[in-house]
Amino acid sequence: LHIQIFTLPLAPLVSGDSSFCLGETVNLISSVAENIAWAPGGQTNDTIQVSTAGIFTVTVTDNNGCSATSLPFETSVNLPPVADTISYTGSLVRCAGNTIQLTANPSGFNYLWS
């Protein structure tokens, strides 16, 4: 009786941005390019595009049927800030050429006024 024990392949590493803004996507990249499968989804490319928060792993399987799985890689989606209030000082009635100062709260963010 001859028993053969195969060495496990090295577990792949996953790299990429772990957080991104709502509506954007990020690429997750496996350090191993062949004989892999991503979870969830089962994609077999070394790079996948992600647009949702979740926990992702990639598993490599060698020619002997031995497999190794990466550490979990978690992504999160950053929601845009919401201006709770817009305040002003003085009267909203102004003559041409006069200005009014508007303030958005919470402060500390970049706003695009229109």
PDB file of N, CA and C in Angstrom:
ATOM      1  N   LEU A   1       0.848  -1.172   0.000  1.00  0.00           N
ATOM      2  CA  LEU A   1       0.000   0.000   0.000  1.00  0.00           C
ATOM      3  C   LEU A   1       0.891   1.231   0.000  1.00  0.00           C
ATOM      4  N   HIS A   2       0.639   2.101  -0.955  1.00  0.00           N
ATOM      5  CA  HIS A   2       1.414   3.326  -1.088  1.00  0.00           C
ATOM      6  C   HIS A   2       0.461   4.521  -0.951  1.00  0.00           C
ATOM      7  N   ILE A   3       0.735   5.366   0.004  1.00  0.00           N
ATOM      8  CA  ILE A   3      -0.072   6.563   0.221  1.00  0.00           C
ATOM      9  C   ILE A   3       0.771   7.771  -0.167  1.00  0.00           C
ATOM     10  N   GLN A   4       0.195   8.601  -1.004  1.00  0.00           N
ATOM     11  CA  GLN A   4       0.886   9.808  -1.426  1.00  0.00           C
ATOM     12  C   GLN A   4       0.168  11.015  -0.851  1.00  0.00           C
ATOM     13  N   ILE A   5       0.901  11.891  -0.217  1.00  0.00           N
ATOM     14  CA  ILE A   5       0.339  13.102   0.366  1.00  0.00           C
ATOM     15  C   ILE A   5       0.899  14.294  -0.402  1.00  0.00           C
ATOM     16  N   PHE A   6      -0.008  15.097  -0.915  1.00  0.00           N
ATOM     17  CA  PHE A   6       0.388  16.274  -1.701  1.00  0.00           C
ATOM     18  C   PHE A   6       0.437  17.508  -0.811  1.00  0.00           C
ATOM     19  N   THR A   7       1.340  18.382  -1.111  1.00  0.00           N
ATOM     20  CA  THR A   7       1.443  19.659  -0.420  1.00  0.00           C
ATOM     21  C   THR A   7       0.333  20.577  -0.901  1.00  0.00           C
ATOM     22  N   LEU A   8      -0.260  21.289   0.025  1.00  0.00           N
ATOM     23  CA  LEU A   8      -1.300  22.244  -0.354  1.00  0.00           C
ATOM     24  C   LEU A   8      -0.678  23.415  -1.108  1.00  0.00           C
ATOM     25  N   PRO A   9      -1.416  23.969  -2.069  1.00  0.00           N
ATOM     26  CA  PRO A   9      -0.902  25.169  -2.746  1.00  0.00           C
ATOM     27  C   PRO A   9      -0.900  26.344  -1.765  1.00  0.00           C
ATOM     28  N   LEU A  10      -0.122  27.357  -2.089  1.00  0.00           N
ATOM     29  CA  LEU A  10      -0.123  28.572  -1.276  1.00  0.00           C
ATOM     30  C   LEU A  10      -1.462  29.291  -1.449  1.00  0.00           C
ATOM     31  N   ALA A  11      -1.992  29.766  -0.352  1.00  0.00           N
ATOM     32  CA  ALA A  11      -3.263  30.496  -0.416  1.00  0.00           C
ATOM     33  C   ALA A  11      -3.050  31.820  -1.153  1.00  0.00           C
ATOM     34  N   PRO A  12      -3.958  32.166  -2.040  1.00  0.00           N
ATOM     35  CA  PRO A  12      -3.840  33.434  -2.746  1.00  0.00           C
ATOM     36  C   PRO A  12      -4.019  34.616  -1.788  1.00  0.00           C
ATOM     37  N   LEU A  13      -3.522  35.758  -2.198  1.00  0.00           N
ATOM     38  CA  LEU A  13      -3.746  37.009  -1.487  1.00  0.00           C
ATOM     39  C   LEU A  13      -4.688  37.859  -2.324  1.00  0.00           C
ATOM     40  N   VAL A  14      -5.592  38.563  -1.668  1.00  0.00           N
ATOM     41  CA  VAL A  14      -6.509  39.462  -2.361  1.00  0.00           C
ATOM     42  C   VAL A  14      -6.078  40.883  -2.060  1.00  0.00           C
ATOM     43  N   SER A  15      -5.997  41.710  -3.101  1.00  0.00           N
ATOM     44  CA  SER A  15      -5.663  43.120  -2.917  1.00  0.00           C
ATOM     45  C   SER A  15      -6.675  43.973  -3.666  1.00  0.00           C
ATOM     46  N   GLY A  16      -6.731  45.234  -3.294  1.00  0.00           N
ATOM     47  CA  GLY A  16      -7.650  46.182  -3.914  1.00  0.00           C
ATOM     48  C   GLY A  16      -8.153  47.147  -2.864  1.00  0.00           C
ATOM     49  N   ASP A  17      -8.960  48.099  -3.290  1.00  0.00           N
ATOM     50  CA  ASP A  17      -9.553  49.059  -2.358  1.00  0.00           C
ATOM     51  C   ASP A  17     -10.665  48.369  -1.584  1.00  0.00           C
ATOM     52  N   SER A  18     -10.668  48.578  -0.282  1.00  0.00           N
ATOM     53  CA  SER A  18     -11.673  47.920   0.543  1.00  0.00           C
ATOM     54  C   SER A  18     -12.910  48.784   0.756  1.00  0.00           C
ATOM     55  N   SER A  19     -12.830  50.068   0.450  1.00  0.00           N
ATOM     56  CA  SER A  19     -14.018  50.917   0.573  1.00  0.00           C
ATOM     57  C   SER A  19     -14.104  51.837  -0.635  1.00  0.00           C
ATOM     58  N   PHE A  20     -15.329  52.176  -0.968  1.00  0.00           N
ATOM     59  CA  PHE A  20     -15.564  53.006  -2.140  1.00  0.00           C
ATOM     60  C   PHE A  20     -16.902  53.706  -1.976  1.00  0.00           C
ATOM     61  N   CYS A  21     -17.128  54.727  -2.781  1.00  0.00           N
ATOM     62  CA  CYS A  21     -18.351  55.517  -2.696  1.00  0.00           C
ATOM     63  C   CYS A  21     -19.504  54.816  -3.413  1.00  0.00           C
ATOM     64  N   LEU A  22     -20.699  55.062  -2.928  1.00  0.00           N
ATOM     65  CA  LEU A  22     -21.909  54.517  -3.525  1.00  0.00           C
ATOM     66  C   LEU A  22     -21.945  54.857  -5.013  1.00  0.00           C
ATOM     67  N   GLY A  23     -22.222  53.864  -5.853  1.00  0.00           N
ATOM     68  CA  GLY A  23     -22.274  54.059  -7.303  1.00  0.00           C
ATOM     69  C   GLY A  23     -20.964  53.786  -8.010  1.00  0.00           C
ATOM     70  N   GLU A  24     -19.877  53.611  -7.273  1.00  0.00           N
ATOM     71  CA  GLU A  24     -18.581  53.308  -7.878  1.00  0.00           C
ATOM     72  C   GLU A  24     -18.307  51.814  -7.813  1.00  0.00           C
ATOM     73  N   THR A  25     -17.234  51.387  -8.466  1.00  0.00           N
ATOM     74  CA  THR A  25     -16.785  50.004  -8.400  1.00  0.00           C
ATOM     75  C   THR A  25     -15.304  49.983  -8.067  1.00  0.00           C
ATOM     76  N   VAL A  26     -14.842  48.866  -7.535  1.00  0.00           N
ATOM     77  CA  VAL A  26     -13.418  48.659  -7.294  1.00  0.00           C
ATOM     78  C   VAL A  26     -13.027  47.311  -7.876  1.00  0.00           C
ATOM     79  N   ASN A  27     -11.747  47.166  -8.182  1.00  0.00           N
ATOM     80  CA  ASN A  27     -11.224  45.890  -8.655  1.00  0.00           C
ATOM     81  C   ASN A  27     -10.557  45.159  -7.501  1.00  0.00           C
ATOM     82  N   LEU A  28     -10.898  43.888  -7.336  1.00  0.00           N
ATOM     83  CA  LEU A  28     -10.199  43.011  -6.404  1.00  0.00           C
ATOM     84  C   LEU A  28      -9.319  42.104  -7.235  1.00  0.00           C
ATOM     85  N   ILE A  29      -8.080  41.928  -6.787  1.00  0.00           N
ATOM     86  CA  ILE A  29      -7.085  41.202  -7.578  1.00  0.00           C
ATOM     87  C   ILE A  29      -6.547  40.033  -6.768  1.00  0.00           C
ATOM     88  N   SER A  30      -6.512  38.862  -7.392  1.00  0.00           N
ATOM     89  CA  SER A  30      -5.928  37.674  -6.778  1.00  0.00           C
ATOM     90  C   SER A  30      -4.446  37.601  -7.129  1.00  0.00           C
ATOM     91  N   SER A  31      -3.635  37.184  -6.162  1.00  0.00           N
ATOM     92  CA  SER A  31      -2.202  37.009  -6.430  1.00  0.00           C
ATOM     93  C   SER A  31      -1.940  35.788  -7.294  1.00  0.00           C
ATOM     94  N   VAL A  32      -2.923  34.925  -7.443  1.00  0.00           N
ATOM     95  CA  VAL A  32      -2.822  33.736  -8.306  1.00  0.00           C
ATOM     96  C   VAL A  32      -3.786  33.943  -9.465  1.00  0.00           C
ATOM     97  N   ALA A  33      -3.344  33.647 -10.686  1.00  0.00           N
ATOM     98  CA  ALA A  33      -4.148  33.949 -11.864  1.00  0.00           C
ATOM     99  C   ALA A  33      -4.837  32.735 -12.481  1.00  0.00           C
ATOM    100  N   GLU A  34      -4.394  31.521 -12.179  1.00  0.00           N
ATOM    101  CA  GLU A  34      -4.950  30.339 -12.841  1.00  0.00           C
ATOM    102  C   GLU A  34      -5.557  29.386 -11.831  1.00  0.00           C
ATOM    103  N   ASN A  35      -6.544  28.626 -12.305  1.00  0.00           N
ATOM    104  CA  ASN A  35      -7.214  27.597 -11.493  1.00  0.00           C
ATOM    105  C   ASN A  35      -7.794  28.179 -10.209  1.00  0.00           C
ATOM    106  N   ILE A  36      -8.473  29.328 -10.361  1.00  0.00           N
ATOM    107  CA  ILE A  36      -9.052  29.989  -9.189  1.00  0.00           C
ATOM    108  C   ILE A  36     -10.558  30.141  -9.351  1.00  0.00           C
ATOM    109  N   ALA A  37     -11.227  30.364  -8.222  1.00  0.00           N
ATOM    110  CA  ALA A  37     -12.650  30.678  -8.210  1.00  0.00           C
ATOM    111  C   ALA A  37     -12.916  31.632  -7.058  1.00  0.00           C
ATOM    112  N   TRP A  38     -13.643  32.703  -7.353  1.00  0.00           N
ATOM    113  CA  TRP A  38     -14.000  33.701  -6.347  1.00  0.00           C
ATOM    114  C   TRP A  38     -15.303  33.299  -5.663  1.00  0.00           C
ATOM    115  N   ALA A  39     -15.407  33.679  -4.422  1.00  0.00           N
ATOM    116  CA  ALA A  39     -16.667  33.508  -3.701  1.00  0.00           C
ATOM    117  C   ALA A  39     -17.003  34.835  -3.037  1.00  0.00           C
ATOM    118  N   PRO A  40     -18.228  35.274  -3.137  1.00  0.00           N
ATOM    119  CA  PRO A  40     -19.300  34.619  -3.899  1.00  0.00           C
ATOM    120  C   PRO A  40     -19.150  34.886  -5.394  1.00  0.00           C
ATOM    121  N   GLY A  41     -19.874  34.144  -6.181  1.00  0.00           N
ATOM    122  CA  GLY A  41     -19.931  34.411  -7.614  1.00  0.00           C
ATOM    123  C   GLY A  41     -19.303  33.363  -8.503  1.00  0.00           C
ATOM    124  N   GLY A  42     -18.164  32.785  -8.076  1.00  0.00           N
ATOM    125  CA  GLY A  42     -17.532  31.748  -8.874  1.00  0.00           C
ATOM    126  C   GLY A  42     -16.723  32.232 -10.070  1.00  0.00           C
ATOM    127  N   GLN A  43     -16.495  33.552 -10.188  1.00  0.00           N
ATOM    128  CA  GLN A  43     -15.700  34.054 -11.308  1.00  0.00           C
ATOM    129  C   GLN A  43     -14.313  33.422 -11.270  1.00  0.00           C
ATOM    130  N   THR A  44     -13.723  33.249 -12.455  1.00  0.00           N
ATOM    131  CA  THR A  44     -12.435  32.570 -12.551  1.00  0.00           C
ATOM    132  C   THR A  44     -11.316  33.473 -13.064  1.00  0.00           C
ATOM    133  N   ASN A  45     -11.587  34.760 -13.229  1.00  0.00           N
ATOM    134  CA  ASN A  45     -10.536  35.707 -13.630  1.00  0.00           C
ATOM    135  C   ASN A  45      -9.738  36.123 -12.415  1.00  0.00           C
ATOM    136  N   ASP A  46      -8.504  36.570 -12.619  1.00  0.00           N
ATOM    137  CA  ASP A  46      -7.686  37.006 -11.484  1.00  0.00           C
ATOM    138  C   ASP A  46      -8.134  38.357 -10.933  1.00  0.00           C
ATOM    139  N   THR A  47      -8.927  39.103 -11.708  1.00  0.00           N
ATOM    140  CA  THR A  47      -9.456  40.391 -11.258  1.00  0.00           C
ATOM    141  C   THR A  47     -10.974  40.381 -11.399  1.00  0.00           C
ATOM    142  N   ILE A  48     -11.653  40.806 -10.318  1.00  0.00           N
ATOM    143  CA  ILE A  48     -13.106  40.950 -10.401  1.00  0.00           C
ATOM    144  C   ILE A  48     -13.471  42.390 -10.055  1.00  0.00           C
ATOM    145  N   GLN A  49     -14.602  42.835 -10.587  1.00  0.00           N
ATOM    146  CA  GLN A  49     -15.098  44.174 -10.315  1.00  0.00           C
ATOM    147  C   GLN A  49     -16.233  44.061  -9.305  1.00  0.00           C
ATOM    148  N   VAL A  50     -16.146  44.861  -8.235  1.00  0.00           N
ATOM    149  CA  VAL A  50     -17.104  44.786  -7.137  1.00  0.00           C
ATOM    150  C   VAL A  50     -17.800  46.133  -6.994  1.00  0.00           C
ATOM    151  N   SER A  51     -19.135  46.086  -6.838  1.00  0.00           N
ATOM    152  CA  SER A  51     -19.902  47.323  -6.654  1.00  0.00           C
ATOM    153  C   SER A  51     -20.773  47.271  -5.400  1.00  0.00           C
ATOM    154  N   THR A  52     -20.594  46.238  -4.583  1.00  0.00           N
ATOM    155  CA  THR A  52     -21.381  46.088  -3.362  1.00  0.00           C
ATOM    156  C   THR A  52     -20.471  45.777  -2.189  1.00  0.00           C
ATOM    157  N   ALA A  53     -20.989  46.048  -1.011  1.00  0.00           N
ATOM    158  CA  ALA A  53     -20.272  45.662   0.203  1.00  0.00           C
ATOM    159  C   ALA A  53     -20.375  44.143   0.349  1.00  0.00           C
ATOM    160  N   GLY A  54     -19.328  43.536   0.900  1.00  0.00           N
ATOM    161  CA  GLY A  54     -19.378  42.091   1.103  1.00  0.00           C
ATOM    162  C   GLY A  54     -18.043  41.545   1.551  1.00  0.00           C
ATOM    163  N   ILE A  55     -18.025  40.240   1.715  1.00  0.00           N
ATOM    164  CA  ILE A  55     -16.799  39.536   2.076  1.00  0.00           C
ATOM    165  C   ILE A  55     -16.477  38.595   0.926  1.00  0.00           C
ATOM    166  N   PHE A  56     -15.251  38.724   0.403  1.00  0.00           N
ATOM    167  CA  PHE A  56     -14.833  37.988  -0.783  1.00  0.00           C
ATOM    168  C   PHE A  56     -13.622  37.128  -0.472  1.00  0.00           C
ATOM    169  N   THR A  57     -13.575  35.949  -1.068  1.00  0.00           N
ATOM    170  CA  THR A  57     -12.410  35.073  -0.985  1.00  0.00           C
ATOM    171  C   THR A  57     -12.133  34.523  -2.373  1.00  0.00           C
ATOM    172  N   VAL A  58     -10.906  34.038  -2.556  1.00  0.00           N
ATOM    173  CA  VAL A  58     -10.553  33.368  -3.802  1.00  0.00           C
ATOM    174  C   VAL A  58      -9.856  32.062  -3.425  1.00  0.00           C
ATOM    175  N   THR A  59     -10.231  30.995  -4.119  1.00  0.00           N
ATOM    176  CA  THR A  59      -9.681  29.667  -3.860  1.00  0.00           C
ATOM    177  C   THR A  59      -8.923  29.178  -5.084  1.00  0.00           C
ATOM    178  N   VAL A  60      -7.713  28.664  -4.852  1.00  0.00           N
ATOM    179  CA  VAL A  60      -6.927  28.066  -5.918  1.00  0.00           C
ATOM    180  C   VAL A  60      -6.957  26.551  -5.734  1.00  0.00           C
ATOM    181  N   THR A  61      -7.081  25.824  -6.844  1.00  0.00           N
ATOM    182  CA  THR A  61      -7.059  24.358  -6.816  1.00  0.00           C
ATOM    183  C   THR A  61      -5.965  23.885  -7.758  1.00  0.00           C
ATOM    184  N   ASP A  62      -5.040  23.063  -7.237  1.00  0.00           N
ATOM    185  CA  ASP A  62      -3.927  22.611  -8.078  1.00  0.00           C
ATOM    186  C   ASP A  62      -4.300  21.353  -8.854  1.00  0.00           C
ATOM    187  N   ASN A  63      -3.355  20.842  -9.649  1.00  0.00           N
ATOM    188  CA  ASN A  63      -3.593  19.671 -10.504  1.00  0.00           C
ATOM    189  C   ASN A  63      -3.897  18.410  -9.718  1.00  0.00           C
ATOM    190  N   ASN A  64      -3.550  18.388  -8.438  1.00  0.00           N
ATOM    191  CA  ASN A  64      -3.813  17.212  -7.609  1.00  0.00           C
ATOM    192  C   ASN A  64      -5.178  17.296  -6.918  1.00  0.00           C
ATOM    193  N   GLY A  65      -5.895  18.389  -7.132  1.00  0.00           N
ATOM    194  CA  GLY A  65      -7.196  18.561  -6.492  1.00  0.00           C
ATOM    195  C   GLY A  65      -7.099  19.181  -5.104  1.00  0.00           C
ATOM    196  N   CYS A  66      -5.907  19.582  -4.714  1.00  0.00           N
ATOM    197  CA  CYS A  66      -5.720  20.238  -3.418  1.00  0.00           C
ATOM    198  C   CYS A  66      -6.030  21.721  -3.584  1.00  0.00           C
ATOM    199  N   SER A  67      -6.633  22.308  -2.562  1.00  0.00           N
ATOM    200  CA  SER A  67      -7.010  23.717  -2.681  1.00  0.00           C
ATOM    201  C   SER A  67      -6.642  24.500  -1.429  1.00  0.00           C
ATOM    202  N   ALA A  68      -6.553  25.806  -1.617  1.00  0.00           N
ATOM    203  CA  ALA A  68      -6.286  26.730  -0.519  1.00  0.00           C
ATOM    204  C   ALA A  68      -7.074  28.002  -0.799  1.00  0.00           C
ATOM    205  N   THR A  69      -7.590  28.594   0.267  1.00  0.00           N
ATOM    206  CA  THR A  69      -8.448  29.770   0.154  1.00  0.00           C
ATOM    207  C   THR A  69      -7.797  30.973   0.838  1.00  0.00           C
ATOM    208  N   SER A  70      -7.946  32.125   0.215  1.00  0.00           N
ATOM    209  CA  SER A  70      -7.413  33.375   0.767  1.00  0.00           C
ATOM    210  C   SER A  70      -8.111  33.728   2.069  1.00  0.00           C
ATOM    211  N   LEU A  71      -7.501  34.635   2.791  1.00  0.00           N
ATOM    212  CA  LEU A  71      -8.180  35.228   3.929  1.00  0.00           C
ATOM    213  C   LEU A  71      -9.350  36.051   3.399  1.00  0.00           C
ATOM    214  N   PRO A  72     -10.412  36.202   4.173  1.00  0.00           N
ATOM    215  CA  PRO A  72     -11.542  37.019   3.716  1.00  0.00           C
ATOM    216  C   PRO A  72     -11.119  38.469   3.479  1.00  0.00           C
ATOM    217  N   PHE A  73     -11.646  39.052   2.423  1.00  0.00           N
ATOM    218  CA  PHE A  73     -11.395  40.456   2.083  1.00  0.00           C
ATOM    219  C   PHE A  73     -12.747  41.150   2.098  1.00  0.00           C
ATOM    220  N   GLU A  74     -12.896  42.117   3.007  1.00  0.00           N
ATOM    221  CA  GLU A  74     -14.186  42.784   3.173  1.00  0.00           C
ATOM    222  C   GLU A  74     -14.197  44.144   2.485  1.00  0.00           C
ATOM    223  N   THR A  75     -15.277  44.405   1.746  1.00  0.00           N
ATOM    224  CA  THR A  75     -15.468  45.706   1.120  1.00  0.00           C
ATOM    225  C   THR A  75     -16.639  46.411   1.784  1.00  0.00           C
ATOM    226  N   SER A  76     -16.580  47.738   1.779  1.00  0.00           N
ATOM    227  CA  SER A  76     -17.684  48.530   2.323  1.00  0.00           C
ATOM    228  C   SER A  76     -17.973  49.696   1.399  1.00  0.00           C
ATOM    229  N   VAL A  77     -19.226  50.121   1.390  1.00  0.00           N
ATOM    230  CA  VAL A  77     -19.668  51.230   0.551  1.00  0.00           C
ATOM    231  C   VAL A  77     -19.876  52.449   1.439  1.00  0.00           C
ATOM    232  N   ASN A  78     -19.237  53.552   1.078  1.00  0.00           N
ATOM    233  CA  ASN A  78     -19.392  54.810   1.811  1.00  0.00           C
ATOM    234  C   ASN A  78     -20.562  55.580   1.229  1.00  0.00           C
ATOM    235  N   LEU A  79     -21.518  55.905   2.078  1.00  0.00           N
ATOM    236  CA  LEU A  79     -22.674  56.676   1.634  1.00  0.00           C
ATOM    237  C   LEU A  79     -22.311  58.158   1.599  1.00  0.00           C
ATOM    238  N   PRO A  80     -22.885  58.894   0.664  1.00  0.00           N
ATOM    239  CA  PRO A  80     -22.568  60.320   0.595  1.00  0.00           C
ATOM    240  C   PRO A  80     -23.142  61.056   1.806  1.00  0.00           C
ATOM    241  N   PRO A  81     -22.470  62.112   2.230  1.00  0.00           N
ATOM    242  CA  PRO A  81     -23.004  62.903   3.341  1.00  0.00           C
ATOM    243  C   PRO A  81     -24.263  63.632   2.908  1.00  0.00           C
ATOM    244  N   VAL A  82     -25.126  63.894   3.839  1.00  0.00           N
ATOM    245  CA  VAL A  82     -26.364  64.591   3.556  1.00  0.00           C
ATOM    246  C   VAL A  82     -26.372  65.896   4.339  1.00  0.00           C
ATOM    247  N   ALA A  83     -26.637  66.987   3.654  1.00  0.00           N
ATOM    248  CA  ALA A  83     -26.735  68.276   4.337  1.00  0.00           C
ATOM    249  C   ALA A  83     -28.065  68.299   5.084  1.00  0.00           C
ATOM    250  N   ASP A  84     -27.979  68.364   6.409  1.00  0.00           N
ATOM    251  CA  ASP A  84     -29.188  68.391   7.213  1.00  0.00           C
ATOM    252  C   ASP A  84     -29.923  69.714   7.072  1.00  0.00           C
ATOM    253  N   THR A  85     -29.180  70.790   7.061  1.00  0.00           N
ATOM    254  CA  THR A  85     -29.812  72.103   6.980  1.00  0.00           C
ATOM    255  C   THR A  85     -28.942  73.050   6.170  1.00  0.00           C
ATOM    256  N   ILE A  86     -29.586  74.022   5.602  1.00  0.00           N
ATOM    257  CA  ILE A  86     -28.888  75.153   4.985  1.00  0.00           C
ATOM    258  C   ILE A  86     -29.372  76.386   5.726  1.00  0.00           C
ATOM    259  N   SER A  87     -28.445  77.101   6.310  1.00  0.00           N
ATOM    260  CA  SER A  87     -28.820  78.290   7.073  1.00  0.00           C
ATOM    261  C   SER A  87     -28.272  79.540   6.397  1.00  0.00           C
ATOM    262  N   TYR A  88     -28.813  80.666   6.773  1.00  0.00           N
ATOM    263  CA  TYR A  88     -28.375  81.944   6.217  1.00  0.00           C
ATOM    264  C   TYR A  88     -28.459  83.001   7.306  1.00  0.00           C
ATOM    265  N   THR A  89     -27.789  84.081   7.061  1.00  0.00           N
ATOM    266  CA  THR A  89     -27.865  85.213   7.988  1.00  0.00           C
ATOM    267  C   THR A  89     -28.529  86.381   7.287  1.00  0.00           C
ATOM    268  N   GLY A  90     -29.355  87.089   8.018  1.00  0.00           N
ATOM    269  CA  GLY A  90     -30.026  88.248   7.439  1.00  0.00           C
ATOM    270  C   GLY A  90     -31.265  87.860   6.669  1.00  0.00           C
ATOM    271  N   SER A  91     -31.656  88.725   5.752  1.00  0.00           N
ATOM    272  CA  SER A  91     -32.869  88.548   4.962  1.00  0.00           C
ATOM    273  C   SER A  91     -32.546  87.874   3.634  1.00  0.00           C
ATOM    274  N   LEU A  92     -33.509  87.109   3.134  1.00  0.00           N
ATOM    275  CA  LEU A  92     -33.340  86.496   1.816  1.00  0.00           C
ATOM    276  C   LEU A  92     -33.625  87.488   0.690  1.00  0.00           C
ATOM    277  N   VAL A  93     -34.161  88.626   1.018  1.00  0.00           N
ATOM    278  CA  VAL A  93     -34.439  89.655   0.019  1.00  0.00           C
ATOM    279  C   VAL A  93     -33.187  90.519  -0.111  1.00  0.00           C
ATOM    280  N   ARG A  94     -32.619  90.566  -1.296  1.00  0.00           N
ATOM    281  CA  ARG A  94     -31.387  91.322  -1.535  1.00  0.00           C
ATOM    282  C   ARG A  94     -31.530  92.132  -2.810  1.00  0.00           C
ATOM    283  N   CYS A  95     -30.825  93.215  -2.838  1.00  0.00           N
ATOM    284  CA  CYS A  95     -30.744  94.014  -4.063  1.00  0.00           C
ATOM    285  C   CYS A  95     -29.619  93.466  -4.927  1.00  0.00           C
ATOM    286  N   ALA A  96     -29.688  93.717  -6.215  1.00  0.00           N
ATOM    287  CA  ALA A  96     -28.644  93.277  -7.137  1.00  0.00           C
ATOM    288  C   ALA A  96     -27.290  93.764  -6.636  1.00  0.00           C
ATOM    289  N   GLY A  97     -26.314  92.898  -6.674  1.00  0.00           N
ATOM    290  CA  GLY A  97     -24.969  93.243  -6.256  1.00  0.00           C
ATOM    291  C   GLY A  97     -24.694  92.942  -4.795  1.00  0.00           C
ATOM    292  N   ASN A  98     -25.716  92.719  -3.989  1.00  0.00           N
ATOM    293  CA  ASN A  98     -25.524  92.351  -2.590  1.00  0.00           C
ATOM    294  C   ASN A  98     -25.389  90.837  -2.481  1.00  0.00           C
ATOM    295  N   THR A  99     -24.799  90.362  -1.415  1.00  0.00           N
ATOM    296  CA  THR A  99     -24.586  88.922  -1.239  1.00  0.00           C
ATOM    297  C   THR A  99     -25.296  88.433   0.003  1.00  0.00           C
ATOM    298  N   ILE A 100     -25.446  87.137   0.062  1.00  0.00           N
ATOM    299  CA  ILE A 100     -25.983  86.465   1.238  1.00  0.00           C
ATOM    300  C   ILE A 100     -25.098  85.257   1.505  1.00  0.00           C
ATOM    301  N   GLN A 101     -24.847  84.983   2.748  1.00  0.00           N
ATOM    302  CA  GLN A 101     -24.003  83.841   3.100  1.00  0.00           C
ATOM    303  C   GLN A 101     -24.881  82.656   3.481  1.00  0.00           C
ATOM    304  N   LEU A 102     -24.700  81.540   2.761  1.00  0.00           N
ATOM    305  CA  LEU A 102     -25.400  80.293   3.054  1.00  0.00           C
ATOM    306  C   LEU A 102     -24.412  79.331   3.688  1.00  0.00           C
ATOM    307  N   THR A 103     -24.875  78.561   4.664  1.00  0.00           N
ATOM    308  CA  THR A 103     -24.021  77.591   5.349  1.00  0.00           C
ATOM    309  C   THR A 103     -24.716  76.237   5.354  1.00  0.00           C
ATOM    310  N   ALA A 104     -24.014  75.199   4.921  1.00  0.00           N
ATOM    311  CA  ALA A 104     -24.550  73.832   4.943  1.00  0.00           C
ATOM    312  C   ALA A 104     -24.029  73.118   6.181  1.00  0.00           C
ATOM    313  N   ASN A 105     -24.906  72.388   6.807  1.00  0.00           N
ATOM    314  CA  ASN A 105     -24.523  71.570   7.966  1.00  0.00           C
ATOM    315  C   ASN A 105     -24.820  70.123   7.649  1.00  0.00           C
ATOM    316  N   PRO A 106     -24.024  69.178   7.952  1.00  0.00           N
ATOM    317  CA  PRO A 106     -22.830  69.326   8.769  1.00  0.00           C
ATOM    318  C   PRO A 106     -21.698  69.978   7.982  1.00  0.00           C
ATOM    319  N   SER A 107     -20.827  70.638   8.694  1.00  0.00           N
ATOM    320  CA  SER A 107     -19.683  71.282   8.052  1.00  0.00           C
ATOM    321  C   SER A 107     -18.543  70.277   7.933  1.00  0.00           C
ATOM    322  N   GLY A 108     -17.488  70.653   7.251  1.00  0.00           N
ATOM    323  CA  GLY A 108     -16.329  69.785   7.116  1.00  0.00           C
ATOM    324  C   GLY A 108     -16.329  68.976   5.834  1.00  0.00           C
ATOM    325  N   PHE A 109     -17.375  69.098   5.015  1.00  0.00           N
ATOM    326  CA  PHE A 109     -17.444  68.396   3.749  1.00  0.00           C
ATOM    327  C   PHE A 109     -17.316  69.395   2.609  1.00  0.00           C
ATOM    328  N   ASN A 110     -17.029  68.900   1.414  1.00  0.00           N
ATOM    329  CA  ASN A 110     -17.017  69.747   0.222  1.00  0.00           C
ATOM    330  C   ASN A 110     -18.392  69.665  -0.432  1.00  0.00           C
ATOM    331  N   TYR A 111     -19.018  70.805  -0.648  1.00  0.00           N
ATOM    332  CA  TYR A 111     -20.338  70.859  -1.256  1.00  0.00           C
ATOM    333  C   TYR A 111     -20.254  71.509  -2.614  1.00  0.00           C
ATOM    334  N   LEU A 112     -21.133  71.123  -3.518  1.00  0.00           N
ATOM    335  CA  LEU A 112     -21.267  71.756  -4.822  1.00  0.00           C
ATOM    336  C   LEU A 112     -22.587  72.518  -4.789  1.00  0.00           C
ATOM    337  N   TRP A 113     -22.509  73.832  -4.781  1.00  0.00           N
ATOM    338  CA  TRP A 113     -23.693  74.682  -4.680  1.00  0.00           C
ATOM    339  C   TRP A 113     -24.223  74.962  -6.079  1.00  0.00           C
ATOM    340  N   SER A 114     -25.536  75.008  -6.198  1.00  0.00           N
ATOM    341  CA  SER A 114     -26.144  75.406  -7.467  1.00  0.00           C
ATOM    342  C   SER A 114     -27.452  76.133  -7.215  1.00  0.00           C
TER     343      SER A 114
END
